[in-house]
C-alpha atoms as a PDB file:
ATOM      1  CA  MET A   1      17.677   1.608 -18.353  1.00  0.00           C
ATOM      2  CA  LYS A   2      19.120   0.422 -15.018  1.00  0.00           C
ATOM      3  CA  VAL A   3      17.121  -2.073 -12.994  1.00  0.00           C
ATOM      4  CA  THR A   4      17.080   0.284  -9.997  1.00  0.00           C
ATOM      5  CA  THR A   5      15.683   3.095 -12.159  1.00  0.00           C
ATOM      6  CA  GLN A   6      12.984   0.753 -13.420  1.00  0.00           C
ATOM      7  CA  GLY A   7      12.236  -0.027  -9.791  1.00  0.00           C
ATOM      8  CA  TRP A   8      11.655   3.640  -8.975  1.00  0.00           C
ATOM      9  CA  ILE A   9       9.385   4.026 -12.009  1.00  0.00           C
ATOM     10  CA  ASN A  10       7.346   0.937 -11.117  1.00  0.00           C
ATOM     11  CA  GLY A  11       7.189   2.071  -7.503  1.00  0.00           C
ATOM     12  CA  PHE A  12       5.897   5.487  -8.555  1.00  0.00           C
ATOM     13  CA  VAL A  13       3.107   3.912 -10.621  1.00  0.00           C
ATOM     14  CA  GLY A  14       2.136   1.756  -7.642  1.00  0.00           C
ATOM     15  CA  VAL A  15       2.055   4.751  -5.289  1.00  0.00           C
ATOM     16  CA  ALA A  16      -0.048   6.709  -7.780  1.00  0.00           C
ATOM     17  CA  MET A  17      -2.644   3.926  -7.686  1.00  0.00           C
ATOM     18  CA  PHE A  18      -2.476   3.608  -3.893  1.00  0.00           C
ATOM     19  CA  SER A  19      -3.066   7.367  -3.514  1.00  0.00           C
ATOM     20  CA  GLY A  20      -6.793   6.844  -4.008  1.00  0.00           C
ATOM     21  CA  SER A  21      -7.040   3.970  -1.517  1.00  0.00           C
ATOM     22  CA  LEU A  22      -7.999   5.842   1.653  1.00  0.00           C
ATOM     23  CA  PRO A  23     -10.437   8.267  -0.035  1.00  0.00           C
ATOM     24  CA  ALA A  24     -12.044   5.296  -1.806  1.00  0.00           C
ATOM     25  CA  THR A  25     -12.208   3.320   1.439  1.00  0.00           C
ATOM     26  CA  ARG A  26     -13.803   6.321   3.138  1.00  0.00           C
ATOM     27  CA  LEU A  27     -16.483   6.383   0.433  1.00  0.00           C
ATOM     28  CA  ALA A  28     -17.039   2.645   0.763  1.00  0.00           C
ATOM     29  CA  VAL A  29     -17.500   2.605   4.561  1.00  0.00           C
ATOM     30  CA  LEU A  30     -19.982   5.483   4.382  1.00  0.00           C
ATOM     31  CA  GLY A  31     -22.440   3.005   2.887  1.00  0.00           C
ATOM     32  CA  LEU A  32     -21.012  -0.429   3.691  1.00  0.00           C
ATOM     33  CA  ASP A  33     -19.847  -2.326   6.773  1.00  0.00           C
ATOM     34  CA  PRO A  34     -16.026  -2.182   7.198  1.00  0.00           C
ATOM     35  CA  PHE A  35     -15.799  -5.956   7.659  1.00  0.00           C
ATOM     36  CA  PHE A  36     -17.715  -6.504   4.420  1.00  0.00           C
ATOM     37  CA  VAL A  37     -15.487  -3.995   2.610  1.00  0.00           C
ATOM     38  CA  THR A  38     -12.365  -5.813   3.829  1.00  0.00           C
ATOM     39  CA  ALA A  39     -13.653  -9.248   2.803  1.00  0.00           C
ATOM     40  CA  ALA A  40     -15.212  -8.108  -0.475  1.00  0.00           C
ATOM     41  CA  ARG A  41     -12.143  -6.239  -1.756  1.00  0.00           C
ATOM     42  CA  ALA A  42     -10.017  -9.316  -1.106  1.00  0.00           C
ATOM     43  CA  SER A  43     -12.516 -11.741  -2.654  1.00  0.00           C
ATOM     44  CA  PHE A  44     -13.109  -9.648  -5.801  1.00  0.00           C
ATOM     45  CA  ALA A  45      -9.369  -9.246  -6.293  1.00  0.00           C
ATOM     46  CA  GLY A  46      -8.870 -12.915  -5.440  1.00  0.00           C
ATOM     47  CA  LEU A  47     -11.216 -14.056  -8.198  1.00  0.00           C
ATOM     48  CA  MET A  48      -9.298 -11.906 -10.683  1.00  0.00           C
ATOM     49  CA  ALA A  49      -6.048 -13.352  -9.360  1.00  0.00           C
ATOM     50  CA  VAL A  50      -7.309 -16.905  -9.931  1.00  0.00           C
ATOM     51  CA  ALA A  51      -7.950 -16.035 -13.575  1.00  0.00           C
ATOM     52  CA  VAL A  52      -4.461 -14.536 -13.930  1.00  0.00           C
ATOM     53  CA  VAL A  53      -2.817 -17.580 -12.308  1.00  0.00           C
ATOM     54  CA  LEU A  54      -4.634 -19.963 -14.644  1.00  0.00           C
ATOM     55  CA  LEU A  55      -4.075 -17.941 -17.809  1.00  0.00           C
ATOM     56  CA  ALA A  56      -0.392 -17.341 -17.052  1.00  0.00           C
ATOM     57  CA  ARG A  57       0.102 -20.921 -15.797  1.00  0.00           C
ATOM     58  CA  MET A  58       2.061 -19.630 -12.838  1.00  0.00           C
ATOM     59  CA  GLN A  59       4.338 -22.001 -10.988  1.00  0.00           C
ATOM     60  CA  ARG A  60       3.068 -22.918  -7.550  1.00  0.00           C
ATOM     61  CA  PRO A  61       5.047 -21.500  -4.604  1.00  0.00           C
ATOM     62  CA  THR A  62       7.302 -23.720  -2.533  1.00  0.00           C
ATOM     63  CA  ARG A  63       6.429 -24.644   1.043  1.00  0.00           C
ATOM     64  CA  ALA A  64       8.713 -21.916   2.402  1.00  0.00           C
ATOM     65  CA  GLU A  65       7.176 -19.371   0.016  1.00  0.00           C
ATOM     66  CA  TRP A  66       3.667 -20.331   1.127  1.00  0.00           C
ATOM     67  CA  ARG A  67       4.626 -19.553   4.729  1.00  0.00           C
ATOM     68  CA  THR A  68       5.887 -16.122   3.710  1.00  0.00           C
ATOM     69  CA  LEU A  69       2.758 -15.493   1.634  1.00  0.00           C
ATOM     70  CA  VAL A  70       0.631 -16.126   4.729  1.00  0.00           C
ATOM     71  CA  TRP A  71       2.430 -13.320   6.580  1.00  0.00           C
ATOM     72  CA  VAL A  72       2.118 -10.998   3.593  1.00  0.00           C
ATOM     73  CA  ALA A  73      -1.618 -11.719   3.462  1.00  0.00           C
ATOM     74  CA  LEU A  74      -2.020 -10.924   7.157  1.00  0.00           C
ATOM     75  CA  GLY A  75      -0.385  -7.551   6.531  1.00  0.00           C
ATOM     76  CA  VAL A  76      -1.843  -6.295   3.240  1.00  0.00           C
ATOM     77  CA  VAL A  77      -5.095  -8.282   2.911  1.00  0.00           C
ATOM     78  CA  VAL A  78      -6.272  -8.257   6.539  1.00  0.00           C
ATOM     79  CA  GLY A  79      -4.254  -5.889   8.732  1.00  0.00           C
ATOM     80  CA  PHE A  80      -4.164  -2.666   6.755  1.00  0.00           C
ATOM     81  CA  PRO A  81      -7.556  -2.893   4.970  1.00  0.00           C
ATOM     82  CA  LEU A  82      -9.533  -3.841   8.087  1.00  0.00           C
ATOM     83  CA  SER A  83      -7.798  -1.475  10.525  1.00  0.00           C
ATOM     84  CA  SER A  84      -7.999   1.500   8.156  1.00  0.00           C
ATOM     85  CA  ALA A  85     -11.633   0.764   7.251  1.00  0.00           C
ATOM     86  CA  LEU A  86     -12.608   0.656  10.934  1.00  0.00           C
ATOM     87  CA  ALA A  87     -10.703   3.885  11.592  1.00  0.00           C
ATOM     88  CA  LEU A  88     -12.210   5.691   8.613  1.00  0.00           C
ATOM     89  CA  ARG A  89     -15.696   5.270  10.050  1.00  0.00           C
ATOM     90  CA  THR A  90     -14.886   8.042  12.525  1.00  0.00           C
ATOM     91  CA  ILE A  91     -11.982  10.025  10.990  1.00  0.00           C
ATOM     92  CA  THR A  92     -11.599  11.745   7.653  1.00  0.00           C
ATOM     93  CA  SER A  93      -9.253  10.577   4.923  1.00  0.00           C
ATOM     94  CA  ALA A  94      -7.366  13.858   5.442  1.00  0.00           C
ATOM     95  CA  HIS A  95      -6.669  12.959   9.059  1.00  0.00           C
ATOM     96  CA  SER A  96      -5.386   9.547   7.967  1.00  0.00           C
ATOM     97  CA  LEU A  97      -2.626  11.317   6.012  1.00  0.00           C
ATOM     98  CA  VAL A  98      -0.882  11.861   9.340  1.00  0.00           C
ATOM     99  CA  PHE A  99      -0.262   8.138   9.488  1.00  0.00           C
ATOM    100  CA  ILE A 100       0.361   7.517   5.786  1.00  0.00           C
ATOM    101  CA  GLY A 101       3.286   9.914   6.176  1.00  0.00           C
ATOM    102  CA  LEU A 102       4.813   7.363   8.561  1.00  0.00           C
ATOM    103  CA  LEU A 103       4.371   4.383   6.223  1.00  0.00           C
ATOM    104  CA  PRO A 104       7.677   4.872   4.328  1.00  0.00           C
ATOM    105  CA  MET A 105       9.546   4.799   7.629  1.00  0.00           C
ATOM    106  CA  ALA A 106       7.765   1.589   8.670  1.00  0.00           C
ATOM    107  CA  THR A 107       8.557   0.012   5.292  1.00  0.00           C
ATOM    108  CA  ALA A 108      12.218   1.047   5.559  1.00  0.00           C
ATOM    109  CA  ILE A 109      12.534  -0.384   9.081  1.00  0.00           C
ATOM    110  CA  PHE A 110      11.014  -3.718   8.096  1.00  0.00           C
ATOM    111  CA  GLY A 111      13.053  -3.737   4.872  1.00  0.00           C
ATOM    112  CA  THR A 112      16.217  -3.314   6.921  1.00  0.00           C
ATOM    113  CA  TRP A 113      15.183  -6.058   9.326  1.00  0.00           C
ATOM    114  CA  LEU A 114      13.770  -8.610   6.871  1.00  0.00           C
ATOM    115  CA  GLY A 115      15.576  -7.807   3.645  1.00  0.00           C
ATOM    116  CA  GLY A 116      19.079  -7.380   5.017  1.00  0.00           C
ATOM    117  CA  GLU A 117      19.320  -3.862   3.577  1.00  0.00           C
ATOM    118  CA  ARG A 118      21.671  -1.351   5.194  1.00  0.00           C
ATOM    119  CA  PRO A 119      20.742   2.202   4.164  1.00  0.00           C
ATOM    120  CA  SER A 120      23.219   4.977   4.949  1.00  0.00           C
ATOM    121  CA  ARG A 121      22.802   7.528   7.746  1.00  0.00           C
ATOM    122  CA  ALA A 122      22.079  10.172   5.098  1.00  0.00           C
ATOM    123  CA  PHE A 123      19.217   8.007   3.807  1.00  0.00           C
ATOM    124  CA  TRP A 124      17.673   7.806   7.272  1.00  0.00           C
ATOM    125  CA  LEU A 125      18.000  11.576   7.636  1.00  0.00           C
ATOM    126  CA  PHE A 126      16.059  12.166   4.414  1.00  0.00           C
ATOM    127  CA  ALA A 127      13.493   9.535   5.457  1.00  0.00           C
ATOM    128  CA  VAL A 128      12.898  11.173   8.862  1.00  0.00           C
ATOM    129  CA  LEU A 129      12.680  14.675   7.347  1.00  0.00           C
ATOM    130  CA  GLY A 130      10.202  13.479   4.719  1.00  0.00           C
ATOM    131  CA  ALA A 131       8.010  11.622   7.214  1.00  0.00           C
ATOM    132  CA  ALA A 132       8.010  14.576   9.611  1.00  0.00           C
ATOM    133  CA  SER A 133       7.070  17.057   6.884  1.00  0.00           C
ATOM    134  CA  VAL A 134       4.174  14.927   5.607  1.00  0.00           C
ATOM    135  CA  ALA A 135       2.835  14.202   9.099  1.00  0.00           C
ATOM    136  CA  GLY A 136       3.192  17.846  10.128  1.00  0.00           C
ATOM    137  CA  PHE A 137       1.395  19.116   7.057  1.00  0.00           C
ATOM    138  CA  ALA A 138      -1.409  16.581   7.331  1.00  0.00           C
ATOM    139  CA  LEU A 139      -1.903  17.316  11.035  1.00  0.00           C
ATOM    140  CA  SER A 140      -2.105  21.040  10.307  1.00  0.00           C
ATOM    141  CA  GLN A 141      -4.859  20.386   7.746  1.00  0.00           C
ATOM    142  CA  ASP A 142      -7.095  18.270   9.956  1.00  0.00           C
ATOM    143  CA  GLY A 143      -6.664  17.681  13.660  1.00  0.00           C
ATOM    144  CA  SER A 144      -9.897  15.763  14.153  1.00  0.00           C
ATOM    145  CA  GLY A 145      -9.833  12.194  15.305  1.00  0.00           C
ATOM    146  CA  SER A 146     -10.210   9.812  18.208  1.00  0.00           C
ATOM    147  CA  LEU A 147      -7.795   7.733  20.254  1.00  0.00           C
ATOM    148  CA  VAL A 148      -9.297   4.425  19.091  1.00  0.00           C
ATOM    149  CA  ALA A 149      -9.227   5.450  15.429  1.00  0.00           C
ATOM    150  CA  ASP A 150      -5.651   6.702  15.742  1.00  0.00           C
ATOM    151  CA  LEU A 151      -4.566   3.430  17.334  1.00  0.00           C
ATOM    152  CA  LEU A 152      -6.276   1.528  14.526  1.00  0.00           C
ATOM    153  CA  MET A 153      -4.320   3.583  11.987  1.00  0.00           C
ATOM    154  CA  VAL A 154      -1.079   2.765  13.814  1.00  0.00           C
ATOM    155  CA  VAL A 155      -1.948  -0.939  13.537  1.00  0.00           C
ATOM    156  CA  ALA A 156      -2.731  -0.390   9.849  1.00  0.00           C
ATOM    157  CA  ILE A 157       0.627   1.284   9.171  1.00  0.00           C
ATOM    158  CA  VAL A 158       2.653  -1.367  11.001  1.00  0.00           C
ATOM    159  CA  SER A 159       0.754  -4.151   9.203  1.00  0.00           C
ATOM    160  CA  CYS A 160       1.165  -2.491   5.830  1.00  0.00           C
ATOM    161  CA  GLY A 161       4.862  -1.732   6.308  1.00  0.00           C
ATOM    162  CA  TYR A 162       5.512  -5.356   7.226  1.00  0.00           C
ATOM    163  CA  GLY A 163       3.459  -6.668   4.300  1.00  0.00           C
ATOM    164  CA  TYR A 164       5.232  -4.355   1.872  1.00  0.00           C
ATOM    165  CA  ALA A 165       8.693  -5.374   3.079  1.00  0.00           C
ATOM    166  CA  GLU A 166       7.992  -9.101   3.248  1.00  0.00           C
ATOM    167  CA  GLY A 167       6.254  -9.068  -0.143  1.00  0.00           C
ATOM    168  CA  GLY A 168       9.034  -7.014  -1.707  1.00  0.00           C
ATOM    169  CA  ARG A 169      11.627  -9.463  -0.395  1.00  0.00           C
ATOM    170  CA  LEU A 170       9.696 -12.408  -1.828  1.00  0.00           C
ATOM    171  CA  ALA A 171       9.231 -10.615  -5.160  1.00  0.00           C
ATOM    172  CA  ARG A 172      12.997 -10.790  -5.719  1.00  0.00           C
ATOM    173  CA  ARG A 173      12.523 -14.526  -6.299  1.00  0.00           C
ATOM    174  CA  MET A 174       8.973 -14.793  -7.616  1.00  0.00           C
ATOM    175  CA  GLY A 175       8.249 -11.445  -9.284  1.00  0.00           C
ATOM    176  CA  GLY A 176       5.650  -8.857  -8.277  1.00  0.00           C
ATOM    177  CA  LEU A 177       2.648 -10.299 -10.117  1.00  0.00           C
ATOM    178  CA  PRO A 178       2.974 -13.868  -8.774  1.00  0.00           C
ATOM    179  CA  VAL A 179       3.414 -12.604  -5.198  1.00  0.00           C
ATOM    180  CA  ILE A 180       0.201 -10.588  -5.023  1.00  0.00           C
ATOM    181  CA  CYS A 181      -1.761 -13.144  -7.077  1.00  0.00           C
ATOM    182  CA  TRP A 182      -0.826 -16.042  -4.797  1.00  0.00           C
ATOM    183  CA  VAL A 183      -1.465 -13.901  -1.711  1.00  0.00           C
ATOM    184  CA  LEU A 184      -4.987 -13.195  -2.935  1.00  0.00           C
ATOM    185  CA  VAL A 185      -5.598 -16.815  -3.993  1.00  0.00           C
ATOM    186  CA  LEU A 186      -4.392 -17.951  -0.569  1.00  0.00           C
ATOM    187  CA  SER A 187      -6.865 -15.580   1.099  1.00  0.00           C
ATOM    188  CA  LEU A 188      -9.816 -16.508  -1.125  1.00  0.00           C
ATOM    189  CA  PRO A 189     -11.116 -19.535   0.863  1.00  0.00           C
ATOM    190  CA  ILE A 190     -11.655 -17.153   3.795  1.00  0.00           C
ATOM    191  CA  SER A 191     -12.446 -13.851   2.092  1.00  0.00           C
ATOM    192  CA  LEU A 192     -15.071 -15.179  -0.330  1.00  0.00           C
ATOM    193  CA  PRO A 193     -17.310 -16.957   2.233  1.00  0.00           C
ATOM    194  CA  LEU A 194     -17.016 -13.968   4.573  1.00  0.00           C
ATOM    195  CA  SER A 195     -18.039 -11.520   1.857  1.00  0.00           C
ATOM    196  CA  ILE A 196     -21.085 -13.677   1.082  1.00  0.00           C
ATOM    197  CA  VAL A 197     -22.091 -13.888   4.750  1.00  0.00           C
ATOM    198  CA  LEU A 198     -21.539 -10.165   5.325  1.00  0.00           C
ATOM    199  CA  VAL A 199     -23.234  -8.886   2.161  1.00  0.00           C
ATOM    200  CA  PRO A 200     -25.749  -6.096   2.975  1.00  0.00           C
ATOM    201  CA  SER A 201     -29.298  -7.297   3.492  1.00  0.00           C
ATOM    202  CA  GLU A 202     -30.661  -4.453   1.338  1.00  0.00           C
ATOM    203  CA  VAL A 203     -28.173  -4.095  -1.496  1.00  0.00           C
ATOM    204  CA  ALA A 204     -30.383  -1.686  -3.417  1.00  0.00           C
ATOM    205  CA  LEU A 205     -30.131   0.888  -0.611  1.00  0.00           C
ATOM    206  CA  VAL A 206     -26.329   1.063  -0.710  1.00  0.00           C
ATOM    207  CA  PRO A 207     -25.225   4.353  -2.348  1.00  0.00           C
ATOM    208  CA  THR A 208     -23.545   4.137  -5.734  1.00  0.00           C
ATOM    209  CA  PHE A 209     -20.475   5.982  -4.446  1.00  0.00           C
ATOM    210  CA  ALA A 210     -19.933   3.240  -1.834  1.00  0.00           C
ATOM    211  CA  TRP A 211     -19.860   0.561  -4.551  1.00  0.00           C
ATOM    212  CA  GLY A 212     -17.530   2.768  -6.573  1.00  0.00           C
ATOM    213  CA  GLY A 213     -15.124   3.056  -3.653  1.00  0.00           C
ATOM    214  CA  LEU A 214     -15.219  -0.703  -3.153  1.00  0.00           C
ATOM    215  CA  ALA A 215     -14.559  -1.291  -6.857  1.00  0.00           C
ATOM    216  CA  TYR A 216     -11.504   0.977  -6.786  1.00  0.00           C
ATOM    217  CA  VAL A 217      -9.875  -0.650  -3.761  1.00  0.00           C
ATOM    218  CA  SER A 218     -10.638  -4.118  -5.146  1.00  0.00           C
ATOM    219  CA  VAL A 219      -9.027  -3.564  -8.555  1.00  0.00           C
ATOM    220  CA  PHE A 220      -6.300  -0.975  -8.017  1.00  0.00           C
ATOM    221  CA  SER A 221      -5.496  -1.004  -4.290  1.00  0.00           C
ATOM    222  CA  MET A 222      -5.689  -4.776  -3.901  1.00  0.00           C
ATOM    223  CA  LEU A 223      -4.269  -6.099  -7.189  1.00  0.00           C
ATOM    224  CA  VAL A 224      -2.992  -3.853  -9.978  1.00  0.00           C
ATOM    225  CA  GLY A 225      -1.159  -1.398  -7.720  1.00  0.00           C
ATOM    226  CA  PHE A 226       0.678  -4.230  -5.985  1.00  0.00           C
ATOM    227  CA  VAL A 227       1.975  -5.601  -9.280  1.00  0.00           C
ATOM    228  CA  PHE A 228       3.917  -2.391  -9.876  1.00  0.00           C
ATOM    229  CA  TRP A 229       4.720  -1.815  -6.209  1.00  0.00           C
ATOM    230  CA  TYR A 230       6.248  -5.210  -5.424  1.00  0.00           C
ATOM    231  CA  ARG A 231       8.173  -5.150  -8.686  1.00  0.00           C
ATOM    232  CA  GLY A 232       9.529  -1.718  -7.777  1.00  0.00           C
ATOM    233  CA  LEU A 233      10.538  -2.815  -4.257  1.00  0.00           C
ATOM    234  CA  ALA A 234      12.329  -5.876  -5.643  1.00  0.00           C
ATOM    235  CA  GLN A 235      14.185  -3.885  -8.319  1.00  0.00           C
ATOM    236  CA  GLY A 236      15.090  -0.719  -6.448  1.00  0.00           C
ATOM    237  CA  GLY A 237      15.312  -1.819  -2.819  1.00  0.00           C
ATOM    238  CA  ILE A 238      12.605  -1.967  -0.167  1.00  0.00           C
ATOM    239  CA  ALA A 239      13.832   0.879   2.035  1.00  0.00           C
ATOM    240  CA  ALA A 240      14.746   3.165  -0.871  1.00  0.00           C
ATOM    241  CA  VAL A 241      11.720   2.792  -3.156  1.00  0.00           C
ATOM    242  CA  GLY A 242       9.483   2.764  -0.089  1.00  0.00           C
ATOM    243  CA  GLN A 243      10.228   6.484   0.326  1.00  0.00           C
ATOM    244  CA  LEU A 244       8.051   7.162  -2.727  1.00  0.00           C
ATOM    245  CA  GLN A 245       5.103   6.692  -0.376  1.00  0.00           C
ATOM    246  CA  LEU A 246       5.887  10.161   0.948  1.00  0.00           C
ATOM    247  CA  LEU A 247       4.252  11.453  -2.237  1.00  0.00           C
ATOM    248  CA  GLN A 248       1.055   9.471  -1.689  1.00  0.00           C
ATOM    249  CA  PRO A 249      -0.766  11.986   0.557  1.00  0.00           C
ATOM    250  CA  PHE A 250      -0.127  14.827  -1.868  1.00  0.00           C
ATOM    251  CA  MET A 251      -1.271  12.775  -4.835  1.00  0.00           C
ATOM    252  CA  GLY A 252      -4.459  12.133  -2.892  1.00  0.00           C
ATOM    253  CA  LEU A 253      -4.912  15.843  -2.262  1.00  0.00           C
ATOM    254  CA  LEU A 254      -4.398  16.603  -5.952  1.00  0.00           C
ATOM    255  CA  LEU A 255      -6.927  13.903  -6.773  1.00  0.00           C
ATOM    256  CA  ALA A 256      -9.393  15.515  -4.379  1.00  0.00           C
ATOM    257  CA  ALA A 257      -8.738  18.913  -5.972  1.00  0.00           C
ATOM    258  CA  TRP A 258      -9.484  17.499  -9.412  1.00  0.00           C
ATOM    259  CA  LEU A 259     -12.555  15.458  -8.501  1.00  0.00           C
ATOM    260  CA  LEU A 260     -13.965  17.501  -5.614  1.00  0.00           C
ATOM    261  CA  HIS A 261     -12.704  20.957  -6.689  1.00  0.00           C
ATOM    262  CA  GLU A 262     -10.782  21.484  -3.458  1.00  0.00           C
ATOM    263  CA  SER A 263      -8.157  24.234  -3.514  1.00  0.00           C
ATOM    264  CA  VAL A 264      -4.414  23.547  -3.747  1.00  0.00           C
ATOM    265  CA  THR A 265      -2.624  26.015  -1.458  1.00  0.00           C
ATOM    266  CA  SER A 266       0.861  27.457  -1.766  1.00  0.00           C
ATOM    267  CA  THR A 267       1.807  25.678   1.477  1.00  0.00           C
ATOM    268  CA  MET A 268       0.845  22.379  -0.093  1.00  0.00           C
ATOM    269  CA  LEU A 269       3.060  23.098  -3.092  1.00  0.00           C
ATOM    270  CA  LEU A 270       6.004  24.087  -0.878  1.00  0.00           C
ATOM    271  CA  VAL A 271       5.733  20.976   1.276  1.00  0.00           C
ATOM    272  CA  THR A 272       5.358  18.840  -1.837  1.00  0.00           C
ATOM    273  CA  ALA A 273       8.548  20.321  -3.259  1.00  0.00           C
ATOM    274  CA  PHE A 274      10.372  19.582   0.012  1.00  0.00           C
ATOM    275  CA  VAL A 275       9.090  15.994   0.021  1.00  0.00           C
ATOM    276  CA  VAL A 276      10.226  15.513  -3.590  1.00  0.00           C
ATOM    277  CA  ALA A 277      13.677  16.733  -2.512  1.00  0.00           C
ATOM    278  CA  CYS A 278      13.672  14.216   0.366  1.00  0.00           C
ATOM    279  CA  VAL A 279      12.687  11.404  -2.001  1.00  0.00           C
ATOM    280  CA  ALA A 280      15.448  12.433  -4.411  1.00  0.00           C
ATOM    281  CA  GLY A 281      17.932  12.529  -1.537  1.00  0.00           C
ATOM    282  CA  ALA A 282      16.829   9.088  -0.342  1.00  0.00           C
ATOM    283  CA  LYS A 283      17.240   7.709  -3.862  1.00  0.00           C
ATOM    284  CA  TYR A 284      20.710   9.202  -4.194  1.00  0.00           C
ATOM    285  CA  THR A 285      21.970   7.974  -0.811  1.00  0.00           C
ATOM    286  CA  ALA A 286      20.265   4.572  -0.778  1.00  0.00           C
ATOM    287  CA  ALA A 287      22.388   1.463  -1.077  1.00  0.00           C
ATOM    288  CA  ALA A 288      21.880  -0.995  -3.936  1.00  0.00           C
ATOM    289  CA  PRO A 289      19.148  -3.578  -3.280  1.00  0.00           C
ATOM    290  CA  VAL A 290      20.259  -6.790  -1.646  1.00  0.00           C
ATOM    291  CA  SER A 291      19.996  -9.966  -3.720  1.00  0.00           C
ATOM    292  CA  THR A 292      18.495 -13.007  -2.042  1.00  0.00           C
ATOM    293  CA  PRO A 293      21.316 -15.505  -1.450  1.00  0.00           C
ATOM    294  CA  GLY A 294      21.260 -18.497  -3.737  1.00  0.00           C
ATOM    295  CA  THR A 295      18.470 -17.201  -5.940  1.00  0.00           C
ATOM    296  CA  PRO A 296      18.521 -15.711  -9.419  1.00  0.00           C
ATOM    297  CA  GLU A 297      17.460 -12.179 -10.224  1.00  0.00           C
ATOM    298  CA  ALA A 298      13.727 -11.658  -9.788  1.00  0.00           C
ATOM    299  CA  PRO A 299      11.711 -12.442 -12.909  1.00  0.00           C
ATOM    300  CA  GLN A 300       9.763  -9.695 -14.580  1.00  0.00           C
ATOM    301  CA  PRO A 301       6.043 -10.115 -13.868  1.00  0.00           C
END
């Protein structure tokens, strides 16, 4: 199997795990403070990452890699989780799909800027069509929101797109698992004390579903999903594999239909089919991923 094909498979697994992130965050902030949710998800995942680093005896990053890891942490550990958690206090997870539809475009732009990738014009056409179809569909499903919450979601998308691109670029040298593990370990000295300080005063009164949402984003959204996602970005190209995120809103809707018995409409199926076509077109027209100069092929995490 080609490395680029493996990248698309790994990227798809990562997106499948990320598809539950916003619904789970919405559940968490219904019973927990957004700042606590942000710190706790990072600290829980960070403790697991410490165990992985020790068991796998991972090589410590270089000084230059540490600097990059700081920027990745600001994007995927602080920026996106905190901004989206604050926004989801006042908007529904369905409304947030409007912005998730723009995440592949943000990832592609940062991948082009940071990773030296040069996608074709046809690729950008498929990317724009896919983003527009997802945003249009999501907006037609739920137009509720507020200006502050929408601005917070914009900050979340920009932060996440940057963190994805920078982490994917670094994963070419380090591998997907070491990147996210060291990012979480780097964040632990701040996230763990904050989560202790911000812990609810009456833990017993917090609804079970809020703890369940926090558990999901801690394990899958903060750690396991990134292992597959960063590996996929490194293998298949940041801009190209990033287009798989167009499927994330629809996976979330299917998840809601399965768990919450919400209906799946014919419009949803038609738009999903169009998005799949856009993803296929982006894959076909995307250029091969750029290798980092002077470095070997990324190790397999």
